[in-house]
Amino acid sequence: MSAMPAKEAAGRWRPARRVAAVGLPWAWPAYLSVLGQLIYVVEKGYYATQGRLGIPGGPLVSAPQNAGTSDVALTQWTLALLGLFSAALALAAVRPWGGLVPRPLLLTGLWATGALAAVSQIHVIREVLSGTGGWSPWAAVQGSVGLCLWMAMAWIFTRRPGRTATAAANTGRDAE
């Protein structure tokens, strides 16, 4: 096989789904989720620069717990990176470039992130109600609102029909 047909074939490649950006009436949960994730990233970065563990609004982490973690800054920067990843995941659900990600993979990521957030939020709410965990009520409210936004975004993306037409149908070119 010569290099020229391979180049031509690469030039004709198009993603399997062509999606338009989701209109603001349906996309606002995703944009607010992105904003919440970016605030989380900044908070984690701030804690990483101070070399301490914790979550703003959460209980103070004791010095022995802090000393028990091998690299506190690396832990916090890793969590900040996960926050950036989830912000990108939320944007992929409503922006046209999200069509480059296979729909089942994006759905799995959205719902898995929502499930993990729900488990964490149940823990926070339980500790706020019992008064033993050191969490502020504001953290419970903020986390619950964030979780509701994330789940609304995942639900909207799930209900939104995915386009499974081939690249030939999307571009009007004949399949060869």
C-alpha atoms as a PDB file:
ATOM      1  CA  MET A   1       0.000   0.000   0.000  1.00  0.00           C
ATOM      2  CA  SER A   2       1.483   3.330  -1.012  1.00  0.00           C
ATOM      3  CA  ALA A   3       1.603   6.365   1.251  1.00  0.00           C
ATOM      4  CA  MET A   4      -0.746   8.436  -0.917  1.00  0.00           C
ATOM      5  CA  PRO A   5      -3.965   6.412  -0.377  1.00  0.00           C
ATOM      6  CA  ALA A   6      -3.253   6.356   3.359  1.00  0.00           C
ATOM      7  CA  LYS A   7      -2.918  10.158   3.363  1.00  0.00           C
ATOM      8  CA  GLU A   8      -6.157  10.526   1.427  1.00  0.00           C
ATOM      9  CA  ALA A   9      -7.952   8.178   3.797  1.00  0.00           C
ATOM     10  CA  ALA A  10      -6.651  10.143   6.786  1.00  0.00           C
ATOM     11  CA  GLY A  11      -7.885  13.366   5.194  1.00  0.00           C
ATOM     12  CA  ARG A  12     -11.399  11.940   4.858  1.00  0.00           C
ATOM     13  CA  TRP A  13     -11.668  10.816   8.481  1.00  0.00           C
ATOM     14  CA  ARG A  14     -14.405  12.461  10.466  1.00  0.00           C
ATOM     15  CA  PRO A  15     -15.689  11.629  13.942  1.00  0.00           C
ATOM     16  CA  ALA A  16     -18.586   9.205  14.052  1.00  0.00           C
ATOM     17  CA  ARG A  17     -20.841  11.782  15.704  1.00  0.00           C
ATOM     18  CA  ARG A  18     -21.312  15.384  14.712  1.00  0.00           C
ATOM     19  CA  VAL A  19     -22.900  17.280  17.510  1.00  0.00           C
ATOM     20  CA  ALA A  20     -23.743  20.903  17.885  1.00  0.00           C
ATOM     21  CA  ALA A  21     -23.233  22.784  21.105  1.00  0.00           C
ATOM     22  CA  VAL A  22     -26.082  22.334  23.538  1.00  0.00           C
ATOM     23  CA  GLY A  23     -28.184  25.463  23.964  1.00  0.00           C
ATOM     24  CA  LEU A  24     -27.875  27.391  27.220  1.00  0.00           C
ATOM     25  CA  PRO A  25     -31.355  26.406  28.469  1.00  0.00           C
ATOM     26  CA  TRP A  26     -30.081  22.813  28.655  1.00  0.00           C
ATOM     27  CA  ALA A  27     -26.345  23.378  29.186  1.00  0.00           C
ATOM     28  CA  TRP A  28     -26.339  25.600  32.269  1.00  0.00           C
ATOM     29  CA  PRO A  29     -25.951  22.670  34.733  1.00  0.00           C
ATOM     30  CA  ALA A  30     -22.770  21.678  32.907  1.00  0.00           C
ATOM     31  CA  TYR A  31     -21.363  25.200  32.924  1.00  0.00           C
ATOM     32  CA  LEU A  32     -22.110  25.640  36.630  1.00  0.00           C
ATOM     33  CA  SER A  33     -20.528  22.234  37.295  1.00  0.00           C
ATOM     34  CA  VAL A  34     -17.424  23.362  35.428  1.00  0.00           C
ATOM     35  CA  LEU A  35     -17.316  26.518  37.534  1.00  0.00           C
ATOM     36  CA  GLY A  36     -17.623  24.443  40.714  1.00  0.00           C
ATOM     37  CA  GLN A  37     -14.837  22.125  39.558  1.00  0.00           C
ATOM     38  CA  LEU A  38     -12.550  25.045  38.761  1.00  0.00           C
ATOM     39  CA  ILE A  39     -13.148  26.484  42.247  1.00  0.00           C
ATOM     40  CA  TYR A  40     -12.254  23.049  43.642  1.00  0.00           C
ATOM     41  CA  VAL A  41      -9.047  23.012  41.566  1.00  0.00           C
ATOM     42  CA  VAL A  42      -8.017  26.440  42.881  1.00  0.00           C
ATOM     43  CA  GLU A  43      -8.728  25.378  46.480  1.00  0.00           C
ATOM     44  CA  LYS A  44      -6.702  22.184  46.071  1.00  0.00           C
ATOM     45  CA  GLY A  45      -3.853  24.128  44.485  1.00  0.00           C
ATOM     46  CA  TYR A  46      -3.899  26.557  47.396  1.00  0.00           C
ATOM     47  CA  TYR A  47      -3.699  23.709  49.893  1.00  0.00           C
ATOM     48  CA  ALA A  48      -0.914  22.084  47.868  1.00  0.00           C
ATOM     49  CA  THR A  49       1.184  25.249  47.994  1.00  0.00           C
ATOM     50  CA  GLN A  50       0.735  25.281  51.772  1.00  0.00           C
ATOM     51  CA  GLY A  51       1.650  21.602  51.996  1.00  0.00           C
ATOM     52  CA  ARG A  52      -1.455  20.567  53.913  1.00  0.00           C
ATOM     53  CA  LEU A  53      -4.306  18.166  53.386  1.00  0.00           C
ATOM     54  CA  GLY A  54      -7.946  19.052  53.613  1.00  0.00           C
ATOM     55  CA  ILE A  55     -10.994  20.431  51.895  1.00  0.00           C
ATOM     56  CA  PRO A  56     -12.181  23.998  52.439  1.00  0.00           C
ATOM     57  CA  GLY A  57     -15.282  23.780  54.606  1.00  0.00           C
ATOM     58  CA  GLY A  58     -14.176  20.389  55.843  1.00  0.00           C
ATOM     59  CA  PRO A  59     -12.619  19.327  59.098  1.00  0.00           C
ATOM     60  CA  LEU A  60      -9.059  20.341  59.906  1.00  0.00           C
ATOM     61  CA  VAL A  61      -6.531  17.615  59.230  1.00  0.00           C
ATOM     62  CA  SER A  62      -4.327  16.948  62.239  1.00  0.00           C
ATOM     63  CA  ALA A  63      -0.537  17.167  62.070  1.00  0.00           C
ATOM     64  CA  PRO A  64      -0.101  13.378  62.562  1.00  0.00           C
ATOM     65  CA  GLN A  65      -2.507  12.710  59.670  1.00  0.00           C
ATOM     66  CA  ASN A  66      -0.626  15.233  57.559  1.00  0.00           C
ATOM     67  CA  ALA A  67       2.686  13.590  58.496  1.00  0.00           C
ATOM     68  CA  GLY A  68       1.272  10.170  57.607  1.00  0.00           C
ATOM     69  CA  THR A  69       0.932  11.160  53.949  1.00  0.00           C
ATOM     70  CA  SER A  70       4.197  10.707  52.064  1.00  0.00           C
ATOM     71  CA  ASP A  71       3.844  13.712  49.751  1.00  0.00           C
ATOM     72  CA  VAL A  72       1.024  16.060  50.679  1.00  0.00           C
ATOM     73  CA  ALA A  73       1.605  18.473  47.794  1.00  0.00           C
ATOM     74  CA  LEU A  74       1.581  15.653  45.244  1.00  0.00           C
ATOM     75  CA  THR A  75      -1.667  14.335  46.723  1.00  0.00           C
ATOM     76  CA  GLN A  76      -3.332  17.743  46.489  1.00  0.00           C
ATOM     77  CA  TRP A  77      -2.046  18.421  42.956  1.00  0.00           C
ATOM     78  CA  THR A  78      -3.329  15.000  41.872  1.00  0.00           C
ATOM     79  CA  LEU A  79      -6.769  15.859  43.244  1.00  0.00           C
ATOM     80  CA  ALA A  80      -6.602  19.221  41.443  1.00  0.00           C
ATOM     81  CA  LEU A  81      -5.793  17.382  38.208  1.00  0.00           C
ATOM     82  CA  LEU A  82      -8.807  15.105  38.742  1.00  0.00           C
ATOM     83  CA  GLY A  83     -10.919  18.253  39.194  1.00  0.00           C
ATOM     84  CA  LEU A  84      -9.648  19.564  35.842  1.00  0.00           C
ATOM     85  CA  PHE A  85     -10.464  16.225  34.246  1.00  0.00           C
ATOM     86  CA  SER A  86     -14.029  16.293  35.567  1.00  0.00           C
ATOM     87  CA  ALA A  87     -14.428  19.896  34.330  1.00  0.00           C
ATOM     88  CA  ALA A  88     -13.327  18.748  30.863  1.00  0.00           C
ATOM     89  CA  LEU A  89     -15.765  15.839  31.110  1.00  0.00           C
ATOM     90  CA  ALA A  90     -18.621  18.218  31.891  1.00  0.00           C
ATOM     91  CA  LEU A  91     -17.682  20.481  28.974  1.00  0.00           C
ATOM     92  CA  ALA A  92     -17.430  17.498  26.630  1.00  0.00           C
ATOM     93  CA  ALA A  93     -21.082  16.755  27.375  1.00  0.00           C
ATOM     94  CA  VAL A  94     -22.240  20.114  25.972  1.00  0.00           C
ATOM     95  CA  ARG A  95     -19.581  21.320  23.525  1.00  0.00           C
ATOM     96  CA  PRO A  96     -19.216  20.144  19.909  1.00  0.00           C
ATOM     97  CA  TRP A  97     -15.708  18.742  20.475  1.00  0.00           C
ATOM     98  CA  GLY A  98     -17.276  16.282  22.927  1.00  0.00           C
ATOM     99  CA  GLY A  99     -18.437  14.364  19.851  1.00  0.00           C
ATOM    100  CA  LEU A 100     -14.853  13.126  19.466  1.00  0.00           C
ATOM    101  CA  VAL A 101     -15.292  11.040  22.618  1.00  0.00           C
ATOM    102  CA  PRO A 102     -17.335   7.870  22.097  1.00  0.00           C
ATOM    103  CA  ARG A 103     -20.750   8.388  23.669  1.00  0.00           C
ATOM    104  CA  PRO A 104     -20.686   5.229  25.864  1.00  0.00           C
ATOM    105  CA  LEU A 105     -17.318   6.280  27.294  1.00  0.00           C
ATOM    106  CA  LEU A 106     -18.573   9.792  28.050  1.00  0.00           C
ATOM    107  CA  LEU A 107     -21.771   8.451  29.633  1.00  0.00           C
ATOM    108  CA  THR A 108     -19.756   6.059  31.791  1.00  0.00           C
ATOM    109  CA  GLY A 109     -17.508   8.890  32.942  1.00  0.00           C
ATOM    110  CA  LEU A 110     -20.422  11.204  33.748  1.00  0.00           C
ATOM    111  CA  TRP A 111     -22.393   8.642  35.732  1.00  0.00           C
ATOM    112  CA  ALA A 112     -19.337   7.171  37.507  1.00  0.00           C
ATOM    113  CA  THR A 113     -18.289  10.654  38.613  1.00  0.00           C
ATOM    114  CA  GLY A 114     -21.824  11.321  39.816  1.00  0.00           C
ATOM    115  CA  ALA A 115     -21.891   8.056  41.763  1.00  0.00           C
ATOM    116  CA  LEU A 116     -18.569   8.795  43.479  1.00  0.00           C
ATOM    117  CA  ALA A 117     -19.720  12.317  44.315  1.00  0.00           C
ATOM    118  CA  ALA A 118     -22.981  10.947  45.742  1.00  0.00           C
ATOM    119  CA  VAL A 119     -21.139   8.546  48.049  1.00  0.00           C
ATOM    120  CA  SER A 120     -18.887  11.367  49.262  1.00  0.00           C
ATOM    121  CA  GLN A 121     -21.830  13.703  49.763  1.00  0.00           C
ATOM    122  CA  ILE A 122     -23.753  11.129  51.780  1.00  0.00           C
ATOM    123  CA  HIS A 123     -20.743  10.898  54.092  1.00  0.00           C
ATOM    124  CA  VAL A 124     -20.542  14.700  54.471  1.00  0.00           C
ATOM    125  CA  ILE A 125     -24.273  15.080  55.151  1.00  0.00           C
ATOM    126  CA  ARG A 126     -24.219  12.251  57.693  1.00  0.00           C
ATOM    127  CA  GLU A 127     -21.338  13.896  59.567  1.00  0.00           C
ATOM    128  CA  VAL A 128     -22.956  17.355  59.449  1.00  0.00           C
ATOM    129  CA  LEU A 129     -26.214  15.971  60.854  1.00  0.00           C
ATOM    130  CA  SER A 130     -24.445  14.008  63.579  1.00  0.00           C
ATOM    131  CA  GLY A 131     -22.155  16.933  64.432  1.00  0.00           C
ATOM    132  CA  THR A 132     -19.128  14.679  64.850  1.00  0.00           C
ATOM    133  CA  GLY A 133     -17.182  15.176  61.647  1.00  0.00           C
ATOM    134  CA  GLY A 134     -16.245  18.842  61.813  1.00  0.00           C
ATOM    135  CA  TRP A 135     -17.888  19.638  58.468  1.00  0.00           C
ATOM    136  CA  SER A 136     -19.636  22.976  58.131  1.00  0.00           C
ATOM    137  CA  PRO A 137     -23.298  22.979  57.089  1.00  0.00           C
ATOM    138  CA  TRP A 138     -22.279  25.198  54.181  1.00  0.00           C
ATOM    139  CA  ALA A 139     -20.073  22.379  52.836  1.00  0.00           C
ATOM    140  CA  ALA A 140     -23.078  20.049  52.885  1.00  0.00           C
ATOM    141  CA  VAL A 141     -25.279  22.557  51.069  1.00  0.00           C
ATOM    142  CA  GLN A 142     -22.590  23.441  48.533  1.00  0.00           C
ATOM    143  CA  GLY A 143     -21.819  19.772  47.865  1.00  0.00           C
ATOM    144  CA  SER A 144     -25.492  18.862  47.528  1.00  0.00           C
ATOM    145  CA  VAL A 145     -26.098  21.647  45.012  1.00  0.00           C
ATOM    146  CA  GLY A 146     -23.009  20.591  43.056  1.00  0.00           C
ATOM    147  CA  LEU A 147     -24.149  16.981  43.058  1.00  0.00           C
ATOM    148  CA  CYS A 148     -27.638  17.947  41.851  1.00  0.00           C
ATOM    149  CA  LEU A 149     -26.115  20.009  39.020  1.00  0.00           C
ATOM    150  CA  TRP A 150     -23.831  17.140  38.009  1.00  0.00           C
ATOM    151  CA  MET A 151     -26.681  14.624  38.004  1.00  0.00           C
ATOM    152  CA  ALA A 152     -28.906  16.994  36.002  1.00  0.00           C
ATOM    153  CA  MET A 153     -26.120  17.390  33.448  1.00  0.00           C
ATOM    154  CA  ALA A 154     -25.597  13.621  33.228  1.00  0.00           C
ATOM    155  CA  TRP A 155     -29.346  13.060  32.848  1.00  0.00           C
ATOM    156  CA  ILE A 156     -29.655  15.692  30.101  1.00  0.00           C
ATOM    157  CA  PHE A 157     -26.714  14.187  28.225  1.00  0.00           C
ATOM    158  CA  THR A 158     -28.184  10.698  28.614  1.00  0.00           C
ATOM    159  CA  ARG A 159     -31.588  11.786  27.287  1.00  0.00           C
ATOM    160  CA  ARG A 160     -30.081  13.770  24.426  1.00  0.00           C
ATOM    161  CA  PRO A 161     -30.013  11.562  21.348  1.00  0.00           C
ATOM    162  CA  GLY A 162     -26.570  10.589  20.173  1.00  0.00           C
ATOM    163  CA  ARG A 163     -25.881  10.625  16.494  1.00  0.00           C
ATOM    164  CA  THR A 164     -24.531   7.327  15.324  1.00  0.00           C
ATOM    165  CA  ALA A 165     -24.478   8.060  11.610  1.00  0.00           C
ATOM    166  CA  THR A 166     -21.320   7.202   9.775  1.00  0.00           C
ATOM    167  CA  ALA A 167     -18.769   9.745   8.636  1.00  0.00           C
ATOM    168  CA  ALA A 168     -19.993   9.296   5.077  1.00  0.00           C
ATOM    169  CA  ALA A 169     -23.506  10.350   6.042  1.00  0.00           C
ATOM    170  CA  ASN A 170     -22.226  13.283   8.105  1.00  0.00           C
ATOM    171  CA  THR A 171     -19.978  14.663   5.387  1.00  0.00           C
ATOM    172  CA  GLY A 172     -22.076  13.769   2.364  1.00  0.00           C
ATOM    173  CA  ARG A 173     -19.189  11.740   0.932  1.00  0.00           C
ATOM    174  CA  ASP A 174     -19.618   8.311  -0.490  1.00  0.00           C
ATOM    175  CA  ALA A 175     -18.280   5.456   1.589  1.00  0.00           C
ATOM    176  CA  GLU A 176     -15.536   3.702  -0.289  1.00  0.00           C
END
